[in-house]
Amino acid sequence: MDVTIRDVRASDLDAVLELNEAVVPDVNSLSIADLQWFADSAHYFRIAHAGDRFASFLIGMRPGTDYASPNYRWFVENYDDFGYIDRIAVAEHAR
């Protein structure tokens, strides 16, 4: 099966939200507004399709983002340079 990875688009956010909510409590719940903020602010926000089906997403942050997450803030306070993975979600059919 072919896997395609690309930057998230606004048209993907509903599918991203659906997958995110399907894997709560492994990640925290989000709103569409939260996802739009990530789409606008995250250094890395990619989605993957396995064949023709939405399969997964990953959101990553770099230093310099105005993000209040206590985990992200810990990296800001302890490292000058880092890559912070905020969340990964994989659809059951793609695991």
C-alpha atoms as a PDB file:
ATOM      1  CA  MET A   1       0.000   0.000   0.000  1.00  0.00           C
ATOM      2  CA  ASP A   2       1.301   3.435  -0.948  1.00  0.00           C
ATOM      3  CA  VAL A   3       1.633   6.019   1.809  1.00  0.00           C
ATOM      4  CA  THR A   4       1.564   9.713   0.972  1.00  0.00           C
ATOM      5  CA  ILE A   5       2.720  12.321   3.503  1.00  0.00           C
ATOM      6  CA  ARG A   6       2.017  16.014   2.990  1.00  0.00           C
ATOM      7  CA  ASP A   7       1.388  19.295   4.791  1.00  0.00           C
ATOM      8  CA  VAL A   8      -2.037  19.649   6.343  1.00  0.00           C
ATOM      9  CA  ARG A   9      -4.600  21.738   4.471  1.00  0.00           C
ATOM     10  CA  ALA A  10      -7.650  23.530   5.821  1.00  0.00           C
ATOM     11  CA  SER A  11      -9.797  20.933   4.062  1.00  0.00           C
ATOM     12  CA  ASP A  12      -8.126  18.191   6.172  1.00  0.00           C
ATOM     13  CA  LEU A  13      -8.999  19.608   9.579  1.00  0.00           C
ATOM     14  CA  ASP A  14     -12.350  17.831   9.956  1.00  0.00           C
ATOM     15  CA  ALA A  15     -10.667  14.454   9.345  1.00  0.00           C
ATOM     16  CA  VAL A  16      -7.825  15.373  11.704  1.00  0.00           C
ATOM     17  CA  LEU A  17     -10.346  16.332  14.387  1.00  0.00           C
ATOM     18  CA  GLU A  18     -12.251  13.075  13.928  1.00  0.00           C
ATOM     19  CA  LEU A  19      -9.073  11.010  14.296  1.00  0.00           C
ATOM     20  CA  ASN A  20      -7.857  13.065  17.259  1.00  0.00           C
ATOM     21  CA  GLU A  21     -11.136  12.543  19.087  1.00  0.00           C
ATOM     22  CA  ALA A  22     -11.078   8.814  18.277  1.00  0.00           C
ATOM     23  CA  VAL A  23      -7.793   8.381  20.170  1.00  0.00           C
ATOM     24  CA  VAL A  24      -8.673  10.411  23.294  1.00  0.00           C
ATOM     25  CA  PRO A  25      -7.456   9.866  26.070  1.00  0.00           C
ATOM     26  CA  ASP A  26      -4.105   9.007  24.454  1.00  0.00           C
ATOM     27  CA  VAL A  27      -4.123  12.651  23.350  1.00  0.00           C
ATOM     28  CA  ASN A  28      -6.256  15.453  24.723  1.00  0.00           C
ATOM     29  CA  SER A  29      -9.423  16.586  23.010  1.00  0.00           C
ATOM     30  CA  LEU A  30      -9.191  19.535  20.613  1.00  0.00           C
ATOM     31  CA  SER A  31     -11.550  21.855  18.788  1.00  0.00           C
ATOM     32  CA  ILE A  32     -11.452  22.925  15.154  1.00  0.00           C
ATOM     33  CA  ALA A  33     -10.163  26.307  16.386  1.00  0.00           C
ATOM     34  CA  ASP A  34      -7.284  24.521  18.166  1.00  0.00           C
ATOM     35  CA  LEU A  35      -6.420  22.618  15.007  1.00  0.00           C
ATOM     36  CA  GLN A  36      -6.526  25.802  12.944  1.00  0.00           C
ATOM     37  CA  TRP A  37      -4.106  27.382  15.432  1.00  0.00           C
ATOM     38  CA  PHE A  38      -1.756  24.411  15.004  1.00  0.00           C
ATOM     39  CA  ALA A  39      -2.098  24.644  11.216  1.00  0.00           C
ATOM     40  CA  ASP A  40      -1.118  28.314  11.401  1.00  0.00           C
ATOM     41  CA  SER A  41       1.553  28.025  14.120  1.00  0.00           C
ATOM     42  CA  ALA A  42       3.165  24.576  14.191  1.00  0.00           C
ATOM     43  CA  HIS A  43       6.512  24.102  12.532  1.00  0.00           C
ATOM     44  CA  TYR A  44       5.452  20.637  11.374  1.00  0.00           C
ATOM     45  CA  PHE A  45       1.881  19.515  10.778  1.00  0.00           C
ATOM     46  CA  ARG A  46       1.747  16.635   8.331  1.00  0.00           C
ATOM     47  CA  ILE A  47      -0.908  14.107   7.469  1.00  0.00           C
ATOM     48  CA  ALA A  48      -0.555  10.691   5.869  1.00  0.00           C
ATOM     49  CA  HIS A  49      -2.852   8.788   3.555  1.00  0.00           C
ATOM     50  CA  ALA A  50      -2.515   5.017   3.204  1.00  0.00           C
ATOM     51  CA  GLY A  51      -3.870   4.299  -0.223  1.00  0.00           C
ATOM     52  CA  ASP A  52      -6.894   6.567  -0.516  1.00  0.00           C
ATOM     53  CA  ARG A  53      -7.697   6.651   3.233  1.00  0.00           C
ATOM     54  CA  PHE A  54      -6.691   9.233   5.805  1.00  0.00           C
ATOM     55  CA  ALA A  55      -4.279   7.385   8.095  1.00  0.00           C
ATOM     56  CA  SER A  56      -2.461   9.655  10.540  1.00  0.00           C
ATOM     57  CA  PHE A  57      -1.135  13.042  11.528  1.00  0.00           C
ATOM     58  CA  LEU A  58       1.794  14.473  13.467  1.00  0.00           C
ATOM     59  CA  ILE A  59       2.132  17.952  14.950  1.00  0.00           C
ATOM     60  CA  GLY A  60       5.586  19.213  15.904  1.00  0.00           C
ATOM     61  CA  MET A  61       6.827  22.478  17.345  1.00  0.00           C
ATOM     62  CA  ARG A  62      10.175  24.258  17.349  1.00  0.00           C
ATOM     63  CA  PRO A  63      11.458  26.951  19.716  1.00  0.00           C
ATOM     64  CA  GLY A  64       9.876  30.356  19.368  1.00  0.00           C
ATOM     65  CA  THR A  65       6.228  29.323  19.218  1.00  0.00           C
ATOM     66  CA  ASP A  66       3.812  31.035  21.603  1.00  0.00           C
ATOM     67  CA  TYR A  67       2.398  27.776  22.952  1.00  0.00           C
ATOM     68  CA  ALA A  68       1.284  27.425  26.582  1.00  0.00           C
ATOM     69  CA  SER A  69       1.615  23.631  26.916  1.00  0.00           C
ATOM     70  CA  PRO A  70       3.533  22.882  30.150  1.00  0.00           C
ATOM     71  CA  ASN A  71       5.449  20.122  28.386  1.00  0.00           C
ATOM     72  CA  TYR A  72       6.476  22.423  25.531  1.00  0.00           C
ATOM     73  CA  ARG A  73       7.348  25.188  28.003  1.00  0.00           C
ATOM     74  CA  TRP A  74       9.682  22.772  29.828  1.00  0.00           C
ATOM     75  CA  PHE A  75      11.678  22.320  26.622  1.00  0.00           C
ATOM     76  CA  VAL A  76      11.733  26.098  26.040  1.00  0.00           C
ATOM     77  CA  GLU A  77      13.125  26.630  29.526  1.00  0.00           C
ATOM     78  CA  ASN A  78      15.741  23.863  29.298  1.00  0.00           C
ATOM     79  CA  TYR A  79      16.951  23.831  25.673  1.00  0.00           C
ATOM     80  CA  ASP A  80      17.885  26.421  23.085  1.00  0.00           C
ATOM     81  CA  ASP A  81      17.123  24.130  20.157  1.00  0.00           C
ATOM     82  CA  PHE A  82      14.711  21.206  20.069  1.00  0.00           C
ATOM     83  CA  GLY A  83      11.952  19.476  18.159  1.00  0.00           C
ATOM     84  CA  TYR A  84       8.841  18.915  20.246  1.00  0.00           C
ATOM     85  CA  ILE A  85       6.238  16.407  19.102  1.00  0.00           C
ATOM     86  CA  ASP A  86       2.916  17.585  20.463  1.00  0.00           C
ATOM     87  CA  ARG A  87       0.830  14.695  19.193  1.00  0.00           C
ATOM     88  CA  ILE A  88       0.699  11.751  16.849  1.00  0.00           C
ATOM     89  CA  ALA A  89      -2.474   9.883  15.962  1.00  0.00           C
ATOM     90  CA  VAL A  90      -2.795   6.818  13.736  1.00  0.00           C
ATOM     91  CA  ALA A  91      -6.114   5.445  12.512  1.00  0.00           C
ATOM     92  CA  GLU A  92      -6.827   1.874  13.518  1.00  0.00           C
ATOM     93  CA  HIS A  93      -6.827   0.668   9.889  1.00  0.00           C
ATOM     94  CA  ALA A  94      -3.270   2.013   9.455  1.00  0.00           C
ATOM     95  CA  ARG A  95      -1.681   0.516  12.578  1.00  0.00           C
END
